[in-house]
Amino acid sequence: MTNVAVIYYSSTGNVHRMAEAAAAAAEKAGAEVRLRRAAELAPQSAIDGNEAWAAHAAATRDVPVATLEDLEWADAVLFGTPTRFGLPAAQLKQFLDTTGGLWFRGKLINKVVSSFTSTNNVHGGQESTILALNNTFYHWGAIIVPPGFADPVQFEKANGNPYGASSVTDGVPGQVHADNLSAVAFQATRVVEIATALRTGLATA
């Protein structure tokens, strides 16, 4: 069985919804799945000052926090993050910055990775966020698997990002278009298929 970790950060719930859809699709595709959130770094005062942020933090407190063991365990990883000025959120970046030991020991080579994101508005930095995440994975020696335009769902009006599934929330917490959820589900399914084929091929090489 292919092991898939879905590791994400979400402040008000949009990326969380996409992560849940990705995890469900990966499980449906036959993978063993771990859904994990990046640890929160923001001060409690900032969280409490935003009603939607505080509500989401409370609602997801039981989602396990991502660890390096989750990353080492996984054959494939889907990373989700909101955009912060066209870059990944600091919470997810901080987790990635702790992976140096695994990288040094070659434990991240040939991991299959893929990324998804969410922004408040159209052209809000979706593609640059995913491309920035990918810089880390080049250093790992990972295999980046984008959704591309490999499925008709990618041509739906609300989709169209070949780098990774993305949503536009218009400032509404937890609002993710159904087509975006279908896109990230396709992306996760594709990741499982490629990771399974790669693992099988390497085992028989």
N, C-alpha and C. Protein backbone atom coordinates (compact mmCIF):
# COMPACT_ATOMS: atom_id res chain seq x y z
N MET A 1 0.84 -1.19 0.00
CA MET A 1 0.00 0.00 0.00
C MET A 1 0.88 1.24 0.00
N THR A 2 0.51 2.23 -0.80
CA THR A 2 1.25 3.49 -0.87
C THR A 2 0.86 4.38 0.30
N ASN A 3 1.87 4.94 0.97
CA ASN A 3 1.63 5.83 2.10
C ASN A 3 1.60 7.27 1.63
N VAL A 4 0.54 7.98 1.97
CA VAL A 4 0.37 9.37 1.55
C VAL A 4 0.12 10.25 2.77
N ALA A 5 0.91 11.30 2.91
CA ALA A 5 0.68 12.30 3.94
C ALA A 5 0.14 13.57 3.28
N VAL A 6 -0.94 14.10 3.84
CA VAL A 6 -1.47 15.39 3.41
C VAL A 6 -1.14 16.36 4.54
N ILE A 7 -0.21 17.26 4.29
CA ILE A 7 0.29 18.18 5.30
C ILE A 7 -0.07 19.60 4.87
N TYR A 8 -0.74 20.32 5.74
CA TYR A 8 -1.28 21.62 5.34
C TYR A 8 -1.23 22.62 6.49
N TYR A 9 -1.38 23.89 6.12
CA TYR A 9 -1.68 24.93 7.10
C TYR A 9 -2.92 25.67 6.62
N SER A 10 -3.81 25.97 7.55
CA SER A 10 -5.03 26.70 7.23
C SER A 10 -5.40 27.56 8.42
N SER A 11 -5.67 28.84 8.17
CA SER A 11 -6.05 29.71 9.28
C SER A 11 -7.56 29.76 9.47
N THR A 12 -8.31 29.89 8.37
CA THR A 12 -9.77 30.03 8.52
C THR A 12 -10.56 28.91 7.85
N GLY A 13 -9.87 27.88 7.34
CA GLY A 13 -10.58 26.68 6.92
C GLY A 13 -10.61 26.34 5.45
N ASN A 14 -10.19 27.25 4.59
CA ASN A 14 -10.29 26.98 3.16
C ASN A 14 -9.32 25.88 2.72
N VAL A 15 -8.06 26.02 3.10
CA VAL A 15 -7.06 24.99 2.75
C VAL A 15 -7.37 23.69 3.48
N HIS A 16 -7.92 23.80 4.68
CA HIS A 16 -8.31 22.59 5.41
C HIS A 16 -9.34 21.78 4.63
N ARG A 17 -10.32 22.45 4.05
CA ARG A 17 -11.34 21.74 3.26
C ARG A 17 -10.70 21.05 2.07
N MET A 18 -9.76 21.72 1.42
CA MET A 18 -9.07 21.10 0.29
C MET A 18 -8.23 19.91 0.75
N ALA A 19 -7.59 20.05 1.91
CA ALA A 19 -6.78 18.95 2.44
C ALA A 19 -7.64 17.74 2.74
N GLU A 20 -8.81 17.96 3.30
CA GLU A 20 -9.72 16.84 3.58
C GLU A 20 -10.14 16.15 2.29
N ALA A 21 -10.42 16.94 1.24
CA ALA A 21 -10.81 16.35 -0.05
C ALA A 21 -9.66 15.55 -0.64
N ALA A 22 -8.45 16.07 -0.52
CA ALA A 22 -7.27 15.35 -1.02
C ALA A 22 -7.06 14.05 -0.27
N ALA A 23 -7.20 14.10 1.04
CA ALA A 23 -7.01 12.89 1.85
C ALA A 23 -8.05 11.83 1.51
N ALA A 24 -9.30 12.25 1.35
CA ALA A 24 -10.36 11.31 1.02
C ALA A 24 -10.12 10.66 -0.34
N ALA A 25 -9.67 11.46 -1.31
CA ALA A 25 -9.43 10.93 -2.65
C ALA A 25 -8.25 9.97 -2.65
N ALA A 26 -7.19 10.30 -1.91
CA ALA A 26 -6.03 9.41 -1.84
C ALA A 26 -6.41 8.08 -1.20
N GLU A 27 -7.22 8.15 -0.17
CA GLU A 27 -7.69 6.92 0.48
C GLU A 27 -8.54 6.09 -0.48
N LYS A 28 -9.40 6.76 -1.23
CA LYS A 28 -10.25 6.07 -2.20
C LYS A 28 -9.40 5.41 -3.29
N ALA A 29 -8.26 6.01 -3.60
CA ALA A 29 -7.37 5.47 -4.63
C ALA A 29 -6.53 4.31 -4.10
N GLY A 30 -6.70 3.97 -2.83
CA GLY A 30 -6.03 2.79 -2.28
C GLY A 30 -4.85 3.07 -1.38
N ALA A 31 -4.61 4.34 -1.05
CA ALA A 31 -3.46 4.67 -0.21
C ALA A 31 -3.82 4.63 1.27
N GLU A 32 -2.80 4.43 2.09
CA GLU A 32 -2.94 4.68 3.52
C GLU A 32 -2.60 6.15 3.73
N VAL A 33 -3.46 6.87 4.43
CA VAL A 33 -3.35 8.33 4.46
C VAL A 33 -3.22 8.86 5.88
N ARG A 34 -2.36 9.86 6.02
CA ARG A 34 -2.28 10.64 7.25
C ARG A 34 -2.57 12.09 6.92
N LEU A 35 -3.57 12.67 7.57
CA LEU A 35 -3.90 14.09 7.43
C LEU A 35 -3.26 14.82 8.61
N ARG A 36 -2.39 15.78 8.31
CA ARG A 36 -1.63 16.46 9.35
C ARG A 36 -1.62 17.96 9.10
N ARG A 37 -1.64 18.74 10.18
CA ARG A 37 -1.58 20.20 10.05
C ARG A 37 -0.23 20.70 10.56
N ALA A 38 0.25 21.77 9.95
CA ALA A 38 1.46 22.41 10.44
C ALA A 38 1.15 23.13 11.75
N ALA A 39 2.11 23.13 12.64
CA ALA A 39 1.91 23.76 13.95
C ALA A 39 1.68 25.25 13.79
N GLU A 40 0.80 25.79 14.61
CA GLU A 40 0.51 27.21 14.59
C GLU A 40 1.65 28.00 15.22
N LEU A 41 2.03 29.10 14.59
CA LEU A 41 3.10 29.95 15.09
C LEU A 41 2.59 31.30 15.55
N ALA A 42 1.40 31.68 15.11
CA ALA A 42 0.88 33.01 15.42
C ALA A 42 0.56 33.12 16.91
N PRO A 43 0.72 34.32 17.48
CA PRO A 43 0.37 34.50 18.89
C PRO A 43 -1.13 34.35 19.10
N GLN A 44 -1.50 33.86 20.27
CA GLN A 44 -2.91 33.64 20.57
C GLN A 44 -3.73 34.91 20.45
N SER A 45 -3.11 36.05 20.73
CA SER A 45 -3.83 37.31 20.62
C SER A 45 -4.26 37.60 19.20
N ALA A 46 -3.41 37.23 18.23
CA ALA A 46 -3.77 37.43 16.82
C ALA A 46 -4.90 36.50 16.41
N ILE A 47 -4.84 35.27 16.87
CA ILE A 47 -5.89 34.30 16.56
C ILE A 47 -7.21 34.73 17.17
N ASP A 48 -7.18 35.13 18.42
CA ASP A 48 -8.40 35.53 19.12
C ASP A 48 -9.01 36.80 18.52
N GLY A 49 -8.18 37.60 17.84
CA GLY A 49 -8.68 38.83 17.23
C GLY A 49 -9.40 38.62 15.93
N ASN A 50 -9.42 37.40 15.42
CA ASN A 50 -10.10 37.07 14.17
C ASN A 50 -11.07 35.94 14.47
N GLU A 51 -12.36 36.22 14.42
CA GLU A 51 -13.37 35.25 14.83
C GLU A 51 -13.28 33.96 14.03
N ALA A 52 -13.10 34.08 12.71
CA ALA A 52 -13.04 32.89 11.87
C ALA A 52 -11.79 32.06 12.16
N TRP A 53 -10.69 32.73 12.41
CA TRP A 53 -9.43 32.05 12.72
C TRP A 53 -9.56 31.29 14.04
N ALA A 54 -10.10 31.95 15.02
CA ALA A 54 -10.27 31.32 16.34
C ALA A 54 -11.21 30.12 16.25
N ALA A 55 -12.28 30.26 15.48
CA ALA A 55 -13.25 29.17 15.35
C ALA A 55 -12.62 27.97 14.65
N HIS A 56 -11.83 28.24 13.61
CA HIS A 56 -11.20 27.13 12.89
C HIS A 56 -10.15 26.45 13.75
N ALA A 57 -9.38 27.22 14.49
CA ALA A 57 -8.37 26.64 15.36
C ALA A 57 -9.02 25.71 16.39
N ALA A 58 -10.15 26.14 16.91
CA ALA A 58 -10.86 25.30 17.89
C ALA A 58 -11.42 24.04 17.24
N ALA A 59 -11.94 24.18 16.03
CA ALA A 59 -12.58 23.06 15.35
C ALA A 59 -11.59 21.99 14.92
N THR A 60 -10.34 22.38 14.70
CA THR A 60 -9.34 21.44 14.17
C THR A 60 -8.25 21.11 15.19
N ARG A 61 -8.48 21.41 16.45
CA ARG A 61 -7.43 21.18 17.46
C ARG A 61 -7.05 19.71 17.58
N ASP A 62 -7.96 18.80 17.15
CA ASP A 62 -7.67 17.38 17.26
C ASP A 62 -6.96 16.80 16.04
N VAL A 63 -6.77 17.62 14.99
CA VAL A 63 -5.99 17.14 13.84
C VAL A 63 -4.53 17.07 14.27
N PRO A 64 -3.88 15.93 14.12
CA PRO A 64 -2.48 15.81 14.59
C PRO A 64 -1.56 16.80 13.89
N VAL A 65 -0.58 17.28 14.62
CA VAL A 65 0.43 18.18 14.07
C VAL A 65 1.47 17.36 13.30
N ALA A 66 1.86 17.86 12.14
CA ALA A 66 2.83 17.16 11.29
C ALA A 66 4.17 17.01 11.99
N THR A 67 4.79 15.85 11.81
CA THR A 67 6.12 15.57 12.35
C THR A 67 7.03 15.07 11.23
N LEU A 68 8.30 15.04 11.51
CA LEU A 68 9.24 14.51 10.53
C LEU A 68 9.02 13.02 10.30
N GLU A 69 8.50 12.32 11.29
CA GLU A 69 8.21 10.90 11.13
C GLU A 69 7.13 10.69 10.07
N ASP A 70 6.14 11.61 10.02
CA ASP A 70 5.11 11.51 8.99
C ASP A 70 5.73 11.64 7.61
N LEU A 71 6.69 12.53 7.50
CA LEU A 71 7.33 12.76 6.21
C LEU A 71 8.19 11.57 5.79
N GLU A 72 8.92 11.01 6.72
CA GLU A 72 9.76 9.85 6.41
C GLU A 72 8.89 8.64 6.06
N TRP A 73 7.75 8.50 6.72
CA TRP A 73 6.83 7.39 6.49
C TRP A 73 6.21 7.43 5.10
N ALA A 74 5.98 8.61 4.59
CA ALA A 74 5.20 8.77 3.36
C ALA A 74 5.99 8.44 2.11
N ASP A 75 5.31 7.78 1.17
CA ASP A 75 5.84 7.65 -0.19
C ASP A 75 5.55 8.90 -0.99
N ALA A 76 4.44 9.56 -0.65
CA ALA A 76 4.01 10.76 -1.36
C ALA A 76 3.43 11.74 -0.36
N VAL A 77 3.60 13.03 -0.66
CA VAL A 77 3.11 14.08 0.23
C VAL A 77 2.41 15.15 -0.59
N LEU A 78 1.22 15.51 -0.16
CA LEU A 78 0.53 16.67 -0.71
C LEU A 78 0.59 17.79 0.32
N PHE A 79 1.11 18.93 -0.10
CA PHE A 79 1.25 20.08 0.79
C PHE A 79 0.22 21.15 0.43
N GLY A 80 -0.45 21.68 1.44
CA GLY A 80 -1.43 22.73 1.20
C GLY A 80 -1.12 23.96 2.04
N THR A 81 -1.25 25.12 1.45
CA THR A 81 -0.98 26.37 2.16
C THR A 81 -1.78 27.52 1.57
N PRO A 82 -2.21 28.45 2.39
CA PRO A 82 -2.73 29.69 1.83
C PRO A 82 -1.56 30.53 1.32
N THR A 83 -1.86 31.53 0.56
CA THR A 83 -0.83 32.43 0.05
C THR A 83 -0.57 33.55 1.04
N ARG A 84 0.68 33.85 1.24
CA ARG A 84 1.09 35.00 2.04
C ARG A 84 2.02 35.84 1.17
N PHE A 85 1.45 36.86 0.54
CA PHE A 85 2.22 37.73 -0.37
C PHE A 85 2.90 36.92 -1.47
N GLY A 86 2.17 35.94 -2.01
CA GLY A 86 2.70 35.12 -3.09
C GLY A 86 3.66 34.05 -2.64
N LEU A 87 3.73 33.79 -1.33
CA LEU A 87 4.64 32.79 -0.77
C LEU A 87 3.86 31.86 0.15
N PRO A 88 4.43 30.71 0.50
CA PRO A 88 3.76 29.81 1.44
C PRO A 88 3.66 30.47 2.82
N ALA A 89 2.67 30.06 3.57
CA ALA A 89 2.51 30.56 4.94
C ALA A 89 3.72 30.16 5.79
N ALA A 90 4.08 31.02 6.74
CA ALA A 90 5.24 30.77 7.59
C ALA A 90 5.13 29.46 8.35
N GLN A 91 3.90 29.08 8.71
CA GLN A 91 3.70 27.86 9.50
C GLN A 91 4.16 26.63 8.71
N LEU A 92 3.80 26.56 7.43
CA LEU A 92 4.24 25.42 6.62
C LEU A 92 5.73 25.53 6.30
N LYS A 93 6.19 26.74 6.02
CA LYS A 93 7.61 26.93 5.72
C LYS A 93 8.47 26.53 6.91
N GLN A 94 8.02 26.84 8.12
CA GLN A 94 8.79 26.46 9.29
C GLN A 94 8.94 24.95 9.39
N PHE A 95 7.85 24.23 9.08
CA PHE A 95 7.94 22.77 9.09
C PHE A 95 8.96 22.29 8.05
N LEU A 96 8.90 22.85 6.86
CA LEU A 96 9.84 22.45 5.81
C LEU A 96 11.28 22.75 6.23
N ASP A 97 11.47 23.83 6.98
CA ASP A 97 12.82 24.21 7.40
C ASP A 97 13.41 23.26 8.44
N THR A 98 12.59 22.37 8.99
CA THR A 98 13.09 21.39 9.96
C THR A 98 13.52 20.08 9.31
N THR A 99 13.41 20.01 7.98
CA THR A 99 13.64 18.73 7.31
C THR A 99 15.10 18.49 6.91
N GLY A 100 15.99 19.38 7.35
CA GLY A 100 17.39 19.26 6.94
C GLY A 100 18.03 17.93 7.28
N GLY A 101 17.70 17.38 8.44
CA GLY A 101 18.28 16.10 8.82
C GLY A 101 17.85 14.98 7.90
N LEU A 102 16.56 14.93 7.57
CA LEU A 102 16.08 13.92 6.63
C LEU A 102 16.73 14.10 5.26
N TRP A 103 16.82 15.35 4.83
CA TRP A 103 17.45 15.65 3.54
C TRP A 103 18.90 15.17 3.52
N PHE A 104 19.63 15.47 4.58
CA PHE A 104 21.05 15.12 4.63
C PHE A 104 21.26 13.61 4.57
N ARG A 105 20.33 12.87 5.15
CA ARG A 105 20.43 11.40 5.16
C ARG A 105 19.80 10.76 3.93
N GLY A 106 19.36 11.58 2.98
CA GLY A 106 18.81 11.06 1.74
C GLY A 106 17.42 10.45 1.87
N LYS A 107 16.72 10.79 2.94
CA LYS A 107 15.42 10.19 3.20
C LYS A 107 14.28 10.83 2.41
N LEU A 108 14.56 11.92 1.71
CA LEU A 108 13.51 12.60 0.95
C LEU A 108 13.66 12.40 -0.55
N ILE A 109 14.70 11.69 -0.95
CA ILE A 109 14.91 11.42 -2.38
C ILE A 109 13.78 10.55 -2.91
N ASN A 110 13.26 10.93 -4.07
CA ASN A 110 12.20 10.20 -4.77
C ASN A 110 10.85 10.20 -4.06
N LYS A 111 10.69 11.05 -3.05
CA LYS A 111 9.34 11.27 -2.54
C LYS A 111 8.53 11.94 -3.65
N VAL A 112 7.30 11.50 -3.84
CA VAL A 112 6.41 12.18 -4.79
C VAL A 112 5.70 13.29 -4.04
N VAL A 113 5.78 14.51 -4.57
CA VAL A 113 5.18 15.65 -3.88
C VAL A 113 4.32 16.47 -4.83
N SER A 114 3.32 17.13 -4.26
CA SER A 114 2.41 17.97 -5.03
C SER A 114 1.83 19.00 -4.07
N SER A 115 1.44 20.15 -4.60
CA SER A 115 1.01 21.25 -3.73
C SER A 115 -0.31 21.86 -4.19
N PHE A 116 -1.03 22.41 -3.22
CA PHE A 116 -2.27 23.14 -3.52
C PHE A 116 -2.36 24.36 -2.62
N THR A 117 -3.22 25.32 -3.00
CA THR A 117 -3.25 26.59 -2.29
C THR A 117 -4.61 27.25 -2.37
N SER A 118 -4.74 28.36 -1.68
CA SER A 118 -5.98 29.14 -1.69
C SER A 118 -5.62 30.61 -1.49
N THR A 119 -6.33 31.48 -2.20
CA THR A 119 -6.14 32.91 -2.04
C THR A 119 -7.48 33.60 -1.85
N ASN A 120 -7.41 34.83 -1.41
CA ASN A 120 -8.63 35.60 -1.20
C ASN A 120 -9.23 36.07 -2.52
N ASN A 121 -8.37 36.37 -3.50
CA ASN A 121 -8.85 36.95 -4.76
C ASN A 121 -8.14 36.33 -5.96
N VAL A 122 -8.72 36.52 -7.13
CA VAL A 122 -8.11 36.04 -8.38
C VAL A 122 -6.77 36.74 -8.57
N HIS A 123 -5.80 36.02 -9.09
CA HIS A 123 -4.44 36.53 -9.29
C HIS A 123 -3.81 36.97 -7.97
N GLY A 124 -4.14 36.27 -6.90
CA GLY A 124 -3.64 36.63 -5.58
C GLY A 124 -2.35 35.94 -5.19
N GLY A 125 -1.66 35.32 -6.15
CA GLY A 125 -0.37 34.71 -5.85
C GLY A 125 -0.39 33.19 -5.81
N GLN A 126 -1.44 32.59 -6.37
CA GLN A 126 -1.56 31.13 -6.31
C GLN A 126 -0.37 30.43 -6.95
N GLU A 127 -0.07 30.79 -8.18
CA GLU A 127 0.97 30.07 -8.91
C GLU A 127 2.35 30.31 -8.30
N SER A 128 2.62 31.55 -7.89
CA SER A 128 3.93 31.83 -7.31
C SER A 128 4.11 31.11 -5.98
N THR A 129 3.03 30.92 -5.24
CA THR A 129 3.11 30.18 -3.98
C THR A 129 3.52 28.73 -4.23
N ILE A 130 2.89 28.10 -5.20
CA ILE A 130 3.22 26.71 -5.51
C ILE A 130 4.63 26.59 -6.07
N LEU A 131 5.00 27.51 -6.94
CA LEU A 131 6.36 27.48 -7.49
C LEU A 131 7.41 27.68 -6.39
N ALA A 132 7.10 28.53 -5.42
CA ALA A 132 8.02 28.74 -4.30
C ALA A 132 8.16 27.47 -3.47
N LEU A 133 7.06 26.79 -3.22
CA LEU A 133 7.13 25.52 -2.50
C LEU A 133 8.00 24.53 -3.25
N ASN A 134 7.86 24.49 -4.56
CA ASN A 134 8.61 23.52 -5.36
C ASN A 134 10.12 23.69 -5.23
N ASN A 135 10.58 24.91 -4.93
CA ASN A 135 12.03 25.11 -4.77
C ASN A 135 12.60 24.19 -3.69
N THR A 136 11.85 23.97 -2.64
CA THR A 136 12.28 23.06 -1.58
C THR A 136 12.43 21.64 -2.12
N PHE A 137 11.45 21.23 -2.93
CA PHE A 137 11.41 19.83 -3.37
C PHE A 137 12.50 19.51 -4.39
N TYR A 138 12.94 20.53 -5.14
CA TYR A 138 14.09 20.31 -6.03
C TYR A 138 15.31 19.92 -5.19
N HIS A 139 15.50 20.60 -4.07
CA HIS A 139 16.65 20.32 -3.21
C HIS A 139 16.55 18.92 -2.60
N TRP A 140 15.35 18.49 -2.32
CA TRP A 140 15.15 17.15 -1.76
C TRP A 140 15.52 16.04 -2.75
N GLY A 141 15.41 16.33 -4.04
CA GLY A 141 15.49 15.27 -5.04
C GLY A 141 14.17 14.54 -5.16
N ALA A 142 13.09 15.26 -4.82
CA ALA A 142 11.75 14.69 -4.90
C ALA A 142 11.23 14.71 -6.33
N ILE A 143 10.14 14.00 -6.54
CA ILE A 143 9.48 13.94 -7.85
C ILE A 143 8.20 14.78 -7.76
N ILE A 144 8.20 15.93 -8.42
CA ILE A 144 7.05 16.84 -8.35
C ILE A 144 6.01 16.39 -9.37
N VAL A 145 4.80 16.17 -8.89
CA VAL A 145 3.70 15.73 -9.75
C VAL A 145 2.60 16.79 -9.73
N PRO A 146 2.48 17.59 -10.79
CA PRO A 146 1.40 18.58 -10.86
C PRO A 146 0.15 17.95 -11.45
N PRO A 147 -1.00 18.58 -11.29
CA PRO A 147 -2.19 18.06 -11.95
C PRO A 147 -2.17 18.28 -13.45
N GLY A 148 -1.45 19.35 -13.89
CA GLY A 148 -1.46 19.68 -15.32
C GLY A 148 -2.88 19.88 -15.82
N PHE A 149 -3.08 19.58 -17.08
CA PHE A 149 -4.43 19.57 -17.65
C PHE A 149 -4.76 18.13 -18.03
N ALA A 150 -4.48 17.23 -17.09
CA ALA A 150 -4.60 15.80 -17.33
C ALA A 150 -6.00 15.24 -17.06
N ASP A 151 -6.94 16.11 -16.72
CA ASP A 151 -8.31 15.67 -16.47
C ASP A 151 -9.25 16.80 -16.85
N PRO A 152 -10.45 16.48 -17.37
CA PRO A 152 -11.40 17.53 -17.76
C PRO A 152 -11.75 18.51 -16.65
N VAL A 153 -11.65 18.09 -15.38
CA VAL A 153 -12.01 19.01 -14.29
C VAL A 153 -11.11 20.24 -14.29
N GLN A 154 -9.91 20.11 -14.85
CA GLN A 154 -8.99 21.23 -14.87
C GLN A 154 -9.46 22.35 -15.80
N PHE A 155 -10.38 22.04 -16.69
CA PHE A 155 -10.88 23.05 -17.62
C PHE A 155 -12.13 23.75 -17.12
N GLU A 156 -12.60 23.37 -15.93
CA GLU A 156 -13.76 24.06 -15.37
C GLU A 156 -13.38 25.50 -15.05
N LYS A 157 -14.37 26.39 -15.14
CA LYS A 157 -14.11 27.82 -15.01
C LYS A 157 -13.43 28.19 -13.70
N ALA A 158 -13.76 27.51 -12.63
CA ALA A 158 -13.19 27.83 -11.31
C ALA A 158 -11.80 27.26 -11.13
N ASN A 159 -11.33 26.42 -12.07
CA ASN A 159 -10.02 25.79 -11.96
C ASN A 159 -9.05 26.39 -12.99
N GLY A 160 -8.23 25.55 -13.58
CA GLY A 160 -7.35 26.01 -14.64
C GLY A 160 -5.91 26.24 -14.24
N ASN A 161 -5.55 25.95 -12.99
CA ASN A 161 -4.16 26.10 -12.57
C ASN A 161 -3.44 24.76 -12.73
N PRO A 162 -2.52 24.64 -13.69
CA PRO A 162 -1.86 23.35 -13.90
C PRO A 162 -0.77 23.04 -12.88
N TYR A 163 -0.40 24.02 -12.05
CA TYR A 163 0.66 23.81 -11.06
C TYR A 163 0.15 23.05 -9.85
N GLY A 164 -1.09 23.31 -9.46
CA GLY A 164 -1.69 22.66 -8.31
C GLY A 164 -3.07 23.24 -8.08
N ALA A 165 -3.95 22.46 -7.52
CA ALA A 165 -5.32 22.92 -7.27
C ALA A 165 -5.29 24.19 -6.43
N SER A 166 -6.23 25.09 -6.71
CA SER A 166 -6.27 26.35 -5.98
C SER A 166 -7.71 26.85 -5.92
N SER A 167 -7.98 27.63 -4.90
CA SER A 167 -9.32 28.19 -4.75
C SER A 167 -9.24 29.69 -4.53
N VAL A 168 -10.33 30.37 -4.86
CA VAL A 168 -10.48 31.80 -4.59
C VAL A 168 -11.66 31.93 -3.64
N THR A 169 -11.41 32.45 -2.47
CA THR A 169 -12.42 32.40 -1.41
C THR A 169 -13.24 33.66 -1.26
N ASP A 170 -12.81 34.76 -1.88
CA ASP A 170 -13.53 36.04 -1.76
C ASP A 170 -13.74 36.44 -0.30
N GLY A 171 -12.80 36.05 0.53
CA GLY A 171 -12.86 36.46 1.93
C GLY A 171 -13.86 35.73 2.78
N VAL A 172 -14.42 34.63 2.26
CA VAL A 172 -15.41 33.87 3.03
C VAL A 172 -14.74 32.65 3.63
N PRO A 173 -14.64 32.57 4.96
CA PRO A 173 -13.98 31.43 5.60
C PRO A 173 -14.63 30.10 5.24
N GLY A 174 -13.79 29.13 4.87
CA GLY A 174 -14.29 27.80 4.56
C GLY A 174 -15.00 27.67 3.22
N GLN A 175 -14.98 28.72 2.42
CA GLN A 175 -15.66 28.67 1.12
C GLN A 175 -14.71 28.14 0.06
N VAL A 176 -14.99 26.96 -0.46
CA VAL A 176 -14.21 26.37 -1.54
C VAL A 176 -15.18 25.86 -2.59
N HIS A 177 -15.02 26.28 -3.82
CA HIS A 177 -15.90 25.87 -4.90
C HIS A 177 -15.83 24.35 -5.09
N ALA A 178 -16.97 23.76 -5.42
CA ALA A 178 -17.03 22.31 -5.61
C ALA A 178 -16.05 21.84 -6.68
N ASP A 179 -15.85 22.65 -7.72
CA ASP A 179 -14.90 22.27 -8.77
C ASP A 179 -13.47 22.29 -8.26
N ASN A 180 -13.16 23.18 -7.31
CA ASN A 180 -11.82 23.18 -6.71
C ASN A 180 -11.59 21.91 -5.90
N LEU A 181 -12.62 21.47 -5.19
CA LEU A 181 -12.51 20.24 -4.41
C LEU A 181 -12.33 19.04 -5.35
N SER A 182 -13.02 19.07 -6.48
CA SER A 182 -12.85 18.00 -7.46
C SER A 182 -11.45 18.02 -8.05
N ALA A 183 -10.90 19.23 -8.24
CA ALA A 183 -9.56 19.36 -8.80
C ALA A 183 -8.51 18.80 -7.85
N VAL A 184 -8.63 19.12 -6.56
CA VAL A 184 -7.63 18.61 -5.62
C VAL A 184 -7.80 17.11 -5.40
N ALA A 185 -9.03 16.62 -5.56
CA ALA A 185 -9.25 15.17 -5.48
C ALA A 185 -8.56 14.47 -6.66
N PHE A 186 -8.70 15.04 -7.85
CA PHE A 186 -8.00 14.48 -9.01
C PHE A 186 -6.49 14.52 -8.79
N GLN A 187 -6.00 15.64 -8.29
CA GLN A 187 -4.57 15.79 -8.04
C GLN A 187 -4.06 14.72 -7.08
N ALA A 188 -4.80 14.47 -6.01
CA ALA A 188 -4.40 13.45 -5.04
C ALA A 188 -4.42 12.06 -5.65
N THR A 189 -5.42 11.79 -6.45
CA THR A 189 -5.51 10.49 -7.12
C THR A 189 -4.32 10.28 -8.06
N ARG A 190 -3.98 11.32 -8.79
CA ARG A 190 -2.82 11.25 -9.70
C ARG A 190 -1.53 11.02 -8.91
N VAL A 191 -1.40 11.67 -7.78
CA VAL A 191 -0.22 11.49 -6.93
C VAL A 191 -0.11 10.03 -6.48
N VAL A 192 -1.21 9.45 -6.06
CA VAL A 192 -1.19 8.05 -5.63
C VAL A 192 -0.78 7.14 -6.79
N GLU A 193 -1.34 7.38 -7.95
CA GLU A 193 -1.03 6.54 -9.12
C GLU A 193 0.46 6.61 -9.46
N ILE A 194 1.02 7.83 -9.50
CA ILE A 194 2.43 7.98 -9.86
C ILE A 194 3.33 7.42 -8.76
N ALA A 195 2.98 7.68 -7.50
CA ALA A 195 3.80 7.17 -6.39
C ALA A 195 3.80 5.66 -6.36
N THR A 196 2.66 5.05 -6.62
CA THR A 196 2.57 3.59 -6.62
C THR A 196 3.40 3.00 -7.76
N ALA A 197 3.29 3.61 -8.94
CA ALA A 197 4.06 3.14 -10.09
C ALA A 197 5.56 3.30 -9.85
N LEU A 198 5.96 4.42 -9.25
CA LEU A 198 7.37 4.67 -8.98
C LEU A 198 7.92 3.69 -7.96
N ARG A 199 7.16 3.49 -6.89
CA ARG A 199 7.60 2.57 -5.84
C ARG A 199 7.72 1.14 -6.38
N THR A 200 6.75 0.73 -7.18
CA THR A 200 6.79 -0.61 -7.77
C THR A 200 7.98 -0.76 -8.73
N GLY A 201 8.18 0.27 -9.54
CA GLY A 201 9.27 0.23 -10.50
C GLY A 201 10.62 0.18 -9.85
N LEU A 202 10.81 1.00 -8.81
CA LEU A 202 12.10 1.02 -8.12
C LEU A 202 12.36 -0.30 -7.40
N ALA A 203 11.30 -0.93 -6.89
CA ALA A 203 11.46 -2.18 -6.17
C ALA A 203 11.90 -3.31 -7.09
N THR A 204 11.55 -3.22 -8.37
CA THR A 204 11.87 -4.30 -9.31
C THR A 204 13.06 -3.96 -10.20
N ALA A 205 13.60 -2.75 -10.01
CA ALA A 205 14.71 -2.32 -10.88
C ALA A 205 16.00 -3.08 -10.56
